[in-house]
Amino acid sequence: MLESDAIQLIHDALIVTMKAAGPMLILSLITGLVISVLQTTTSIQEQTLTFVPKLIAVFLAVMVFSAYIIHTTVDYTVGVFELIRRF
C-alpha cells in the first residue's frame, strides 16, 4: 500500500463519516435555530427547552436516513476489504 492509497483511504473515511452524521447534525442545527427563534420571540429563557425537540429530530432523522447511512457505510467497508485483498 502506497502513501497515496492510505491518504485516499483516510479521505474516504472522513467523507463517509460526514455523509453518515450529516443528516442528524443538520436537522439538529435547524431544530435548535427554530427553537431559539421561538424562545426569543416569546421571551422564554428556559435552557432545557431545546433538548427534547432536538432529541426527537435526531431520532426521526435516524429513522428516515438509516437506509442511506447503512448503504454508504457498507459500500465503504466493501471497498476497504477489496483494497486489503488487492495487497
N, C-alpha and C. Protein backbone atom coordinates (compact mmCIF):
# COMPACT_ATOMS: atom_id res chain seq x y z
N MET A 1 0.85 -1.17 0.00
CA MET A 1 0.00 0.00 0.00
C MET A 1 0.90 1.23 0.00
N LEU A 2 0.64 2.08 -0.91
CA LEU A 2 1.41 3.31 -1.02
C LEU A 2 0.85 4.38 -0.09
N GLU A 3 1.64 5.41 0.07
CA GLU A 3 1.20 6.53 0.92
C GLU A 3 -0.06 7.18 0.35
N SER A 4 -0.13 7.29 -0.96
CA SER A 4 -1.31 7.90 -1.58
C SER A 4 -2.56 7.06 -1.35
N ASP A 5 -2.40 5.73 -1.31
CA ASP A 5 -3.55 4.86 -1.02
C ASP A 5 -4.05 5.07 0.40
N ALA A 6 -3.12 5.20 1.34
CA ALA A 6 -3.51 5.44 2.73
C ALA A 6 -4.20 6.79 2.89
N ILE A 7 -3.68 7.79 2.22
CA ILE A 7 -4.30 9.12 2.29
C ILE A 7 -5.69 9.09 1.68
N GLN A 8 -5.85 8.39 0.56
CA GLN A 8 -7.16 8.27 -0.07
C GLN A 8 -8.14 7.51 0.83
N LEU A 9 -7.65 6.48 1.51
CA LEU A 9 -8.49 5.71 2.42
C LEU A 9 -8.97 6.57 3.59
N ILE A 10 -8.08 7.37 4.15
CA ILE A 10 -8.46 8.27 5.25
C ILE A 10 -9.43 9.34 4.75
N HIS A 11 -9.17 9.86 3.57
CA HIS A 11 -10.07 10.87 2.98
C HIS A 11 -11.47 10.29 2.79
N ASP A 12 -11.54 9.09 2.24
CA ASP A 12 -12.84 8.45 2.03
C ASP A 12 -13.54 8.16 3.35
N ALA A 13 -12.77 7.78 4.38
CA ALA A 13 -13.37 7.52 5.69
C ALA A 13 -13.98 8.79 6.26
N LEU A 14 -13.31 9.91 6.10
CA LEU A 14 -13.86 11.18 6.59
C LEU A 14 -15.11 11.59 5.82
N ILE A 15 -15.11 11.36 4.52
CA ILE A 15 -16.29 11.68 3.71
C ILE A 15 -17.47 10.82 4.12
N VAL A 16 -17.23 9.52 4.32
CA VAL A 16 -18.30 8.62 4.74
C VAL A 16 -18.83 9.03 6.11
N THR A 17 -17.95 9.43 7.00
CA THR A 17 -18.38 9.88 8.33
C THR A 17 -19.26 11.12 8.23
N MET A 18 -18.87 12.05 7.37
CA MET A 18 -19.69 13.26 7.19
C MET A 18 -21.03 12.92 6.56
N LYS A 19 -21.04 12.00 5.60
CA LYS A 19 -22.31 11.60 4.99
C LYS A 19 -23.22 10.90 5.98
N ALA A 20 -22.64 10.12 6.88
CA ALA A 20 -23.45 9.38 7.85
C ALA A 20 -23.97 10.29 8.96
N ALA A 21 -23.16 11.22 9.41
CA ALA A 21 -23.56 12.09 10.53
C ALA A 21 -24.27 13.36 10.06
N GLY A 22 -24.10 13.71 8.82
CA GLY A 22 -24.63 14.97 8.30
C GLY A 22 -26.12 15.18 8.49
N PRO A 23 -26.96 14.22 8.10
CA PRO A 23 -28.41 14.46 8.24
C PRO A 23 -28.84 14.75 9.67
N MET A 24 -28.29 14.01 10.63
CA MET A 24 -28.66 14.23 12.03
C MET A 24 -28.17 15.59 12.52
N LEU A 25 -26.94 15.93 12.16
CA LEU A 25 -26.38 17.20 12.62
C LEU A 25 -27.11 18.39 12.01
N ILE A 26 -27.42 18.31 10.74
CA ILE A 26 -28.11 19.42 10.07
C ILE A 26 -29.52 19.59 10.63
N LEU A 27 -30.22 18.48 10.83
CA LEU A 27 -31.57 18.57 11.38
C LEU A 27 -31.56 19.08 12.81
N SER A 28 -30.57 18.67 13.59
CA SER A 28 -30.43 19.18 14.95
C SER A 28 -30.13 20.67 14.96
N LEU A 29 -29.30 21.11 14.03
CA LEU A 29 -28.98 22.54 13.92
C LEU A 29 -30.22 23.35 13.56
N ILE A 30 -30.98 22.88 12.59
CA ILE A 30 -32.18 23.60 12.17
C ILE A 30 -33.20 23.63 13.31
N THR A 31 -33.37 22.51 13.99
CA THR A 31 -34.31 22.46 15.12
C THR A 31 -33.89 23.43 16.22
N GLY A 32 -32.60 23.46 16.53
CA GLY A 32 -32.10 24.38 17.55
C GLY A 32 -32.32 25.83 17.17
N LEU A 33 -32.11 26.15 15.89
CA LEU A 33 -32.33 27.53 15.45
C LEU A 33 -33.80 27.92 15.53
N VAL A 34 -34.68 27.02 15.12
CA VAL A 34 -36.12 27.32 15.18
C VAL A 34 -36.57 27.51 16.63
N ILE A 35 -36.13 26.63 17.52
CA ILE A 35 -36.50 26.75 18.93
C ILE A 35 -35.92 28.03 19.53
N SER A 36 -34.70 28.39 19.14
CA SER A 36 -34.10 29.63 19.65
C SER A 36 -34.86 30.86 19.20
N VAL A 37 -35.31 30.85 17.94
CA VAL A 37 -36.10 31.98 17.45
C VAL A 37 -37.43 32.06 18.21
N LEU A 38 -38.06 30.91 18.44
CA LEU A 38 -39.31 30.90 19.20
C LEU A 38 -39.09 31.37 20.63
N GLN A 39 -37.98 30.97 21.24
CA GLN A 39 -37.68 31.43 22.60
C GLN A 39 -37.44 32.93 22.64
N THR A 40 -36.79 33.44 21.62
CA THR A 40 -36.51 34.87 21.57
C THR A 40 -37.79 35.68 21.39
N THR A 41 -38.66 35.21 20.50
CA THR A 41 -39.89 35.96 20.24
C THR A 41 -40.86 35.90 21.40
N THR A 42 -40.85 34.81 22.16
CA THR A 42 -41.78 34.69 23.28
C THR A 42 -41.14 35.04 24.62
N SER A 43 -39.86 35.40 24.61
CA SER A 43 -39.11 35.78 25.82
C SER A 43 -39.05 34.66 26.86
N ILE A 44 -39.04 33.43 26.39
CA ILE A 44 -38.86 32.29 27.30
C ILE A 44 -37.36 32.05 27.44
N GLN A 45 -36.88 32.01 28.67
CA GLN A 45 -35.44 31.86 28.92
C GLN A 45 -35.08 30.48 29.46
N GLU A 46 -35.82 29.47 29.12
CA GLU A 46 -35.57 28.11 29.60
C GLU A 46 -34.52 27.44 28.71
N GLN A 47 -33.39 27.07 29.29
CA GLN A 47 -32.28 26.50 28.52
C GLN A 47 -32.53 25.05 28.12
N THR A 48 -33.32 24.33 28.89
CA THR A 48 -33.54 22.92 28.61
C THR A 48 -34.64 22.68 27.59
N LEU A 49 -35.27 23.73 27.12
CA LEU A 49 -36.39 23.59 26.18
C LEU A 49 -35.94 23.01 24.84
N THR A 50 -34.71 23.23 24.43
CA THR A 50 -34.26 22.77 23.12
C THR A 50 -33.87 21.30 23.12
N PHE A 51 -33.67 20.69 24.28
CA PHE A 51 -33.16 19.33 24.33
C PHE A 51 -34.13 18.31 23.74
N VAL A 52 -35.38 18.33 24.17
CA VAL A 52 -36.35 17.32 23.73
C VAL A 52 -36.65 17.44 22.23
N PRO A 53 -36.90 18.63 21.68
CA PRO A 53 -37.12 18.70 20.23
C PRO A 53 -35.91 18.24 19.41
N LYS A 54 -34.70 18.56 19.88
CA LYS A 54 -33.52 18.09 19.16
C LYS A 54 -33.41 16.57 19.23
N LEU A 55 -33.71 16.01 20.37
CA LEU A 55 -33.67 14.56 20.54
C LEU A 55 -34.66 13.88 19.61
N ILE A 56 -35.86 14.42 19.53
CA ILE A 56 -36.87 13.87 18.63
C ILE A 56 -36.45 14.03 17.18
N ALA A 57 -35.89 15.19 16.83
CA ALA A 57 -35.46 15.43 15.46
C ALA A 57 -34.35 14.47 15.05
N VAL A 58 -33.40 14.23 15.93
CA VAL A 58 -32.31 13.30 15.63
C VAL A 58 -32.85 11.88 15.50
N PHE A 59 -33.76 11.49 16.37
CA PHE A 59 -34.36 10.17 16.28
C PHE A 59 -35.09 9.99 14.95
N LEU A 60 -35.86 10.99 14.54
CA LEU A 60 -36.56 10.91 13.26
C LEU A 60 -35.59 10.87 12.09
N ALA A 61 -34.51 11.64 12.18
CA ALA A 61 -33.51 11.62 11.12
C ALA A 61 -32.85 10.25 11.01
N VAL A 62 -32.59 9.62 12.14
CA VAL A 62 -32.02 8.27 12.10
C VAL A 62 -33.00 7.31 11.45
N MET A 63 -34.27 7.43 11.77
CA MET A 63 -35.27 6.54 11.18
C MET A 63 -35.40 6.76 9.67
N VAL A 64 -35.37 8.01 9.24
CA VAL A 64 -35.56 8.32 7.83
C VAL A 64 -34.31 8.00 7.01
N PHE A 65 -33.14 8.35 7.53
CA PHE A 65 -31.90 8.22 6.76
C PHE A 65 -31.11 6.95 7.07
N SER A 66 -31.68 6.02 7.82
CA SER A 66 -30.91 4.83 8.21
C SER A 66 -30.52 3.99 7.00
N ALA A 67 -31.39 3.85 6.02
CA ALA A 67 -31.04 3.06 4.83
C ALA A 67 -29.88 3.71 4.07
N TYR A 68 -29.92 5.02 3.94
CA TYR A 68 -28.83 5.73 3.26
C TYR A 68 -27.52 5.58 4.03
N ILE A 69 -27.58 5.70 5.35
CA ILE A 69 -26.37 5.59 6.17
C ILE A 69 -25.78 4.18 6.07
N ILE A 70 -26.64 3.17 6.17
CA ILE A 70 -26.17 1.79 6.08
C ILE A 70 -25.58 1.52 4.70
N HIS A 71 -26.25 1.97 3.65
CA HIS A 71 -25.76 1.76 2.29
C HIS A 71 -24.39 2.41 2.10
N THR A 72 -24.23 3.63 2.56
CA THR A 72 -22.96 4.34 2.42
C THR A 72 -21.85 3.64 3.20
N THR A 73 -22.15 3.23 4.42
CA THR A 73 -21.16 2.57 5.26
C THR A 73 -20.77 1.20 4.69
N VAL A 74 -21.73 0.45 4.22
CA VAL A 74 -21.44 -0.87 3.65
C VAL A 74 -20.61 -0.73 2.38
N ASP A 75 -20.94 0.23 1.53
CA ASP A 75 -20.15 0.45 0.31
C ASP A 75 -18.70 0.78 0.65
N TYR A 76 -18.49 1.61 1.65
CA TYR A 76 -17.13 1.95 2.05
C TYR A 76 -16.40 0.73 2.61
N THR A 77 -17.09 -0.04 3.44
CA THR A 77 -16.46 -1.22 4.04
C THR A 77 -16.09 -2.25 2.98
N VAL A 78 -16.96 -2.47 2.01
CA VAL A 78 -16.65 -3.39 0.91
C VAL A 78 -15.43 -2.88 0.14
N GLY A 79 -15.38 -1.58 -0.09
CA GLY A 79 -14.22 -1.01 -0.78
C GLY A 79 -12.92 -1.20 -0.01
N VAL A 80 -12.98 -1.07 1.31
CA VAL A 80 -11.79 -1.27 2.14
C VAL A 80 -11.34 -2.72 2.07
N PHE A 81 -12.29 -3.66 2.17
CA PHE A 81 -11.92 -5.07 2.10
C PHE A 81 -11.37 -5.45 0.72
N GLU A 82 -11.90 -4.85 -0.34
CA GLU A 82 -11.35 -5.11 -1.67
C GLU A 82 -9.94 -4.55 -1.79
N LEU A 83 -9.70 -3.41 -1.17
CA LEU A 83 -8.36 -2.83 -1.17
C LEU A 83 -7.38 -3.70 -0.39
N ILE A 84 -7.83 -4.26 0.72
CA ILE A 84 -6.98 -5.15 1.51
C ILE A 84 -6.67 -6.42 0.72
N ARG A 85 -7.67 -6.95 0.03
CA ARG A 85 -7.47 -8.17 -0.75
C ARG A 85 -6.50 -7.94 -1.91
N ARG A 86 -6.51 -6.73 -2.43
CA ARG A 86 -5.62 -6.40 -3.55
C ARG A 86 -4.16 -6.42 -3.14
N PHE A 87 -3.88 -6.13 -1.87
CA PHE A 87 -2.49 -6.09 -1.41
C PHE A 87 -2.18 -7.30 -0.68
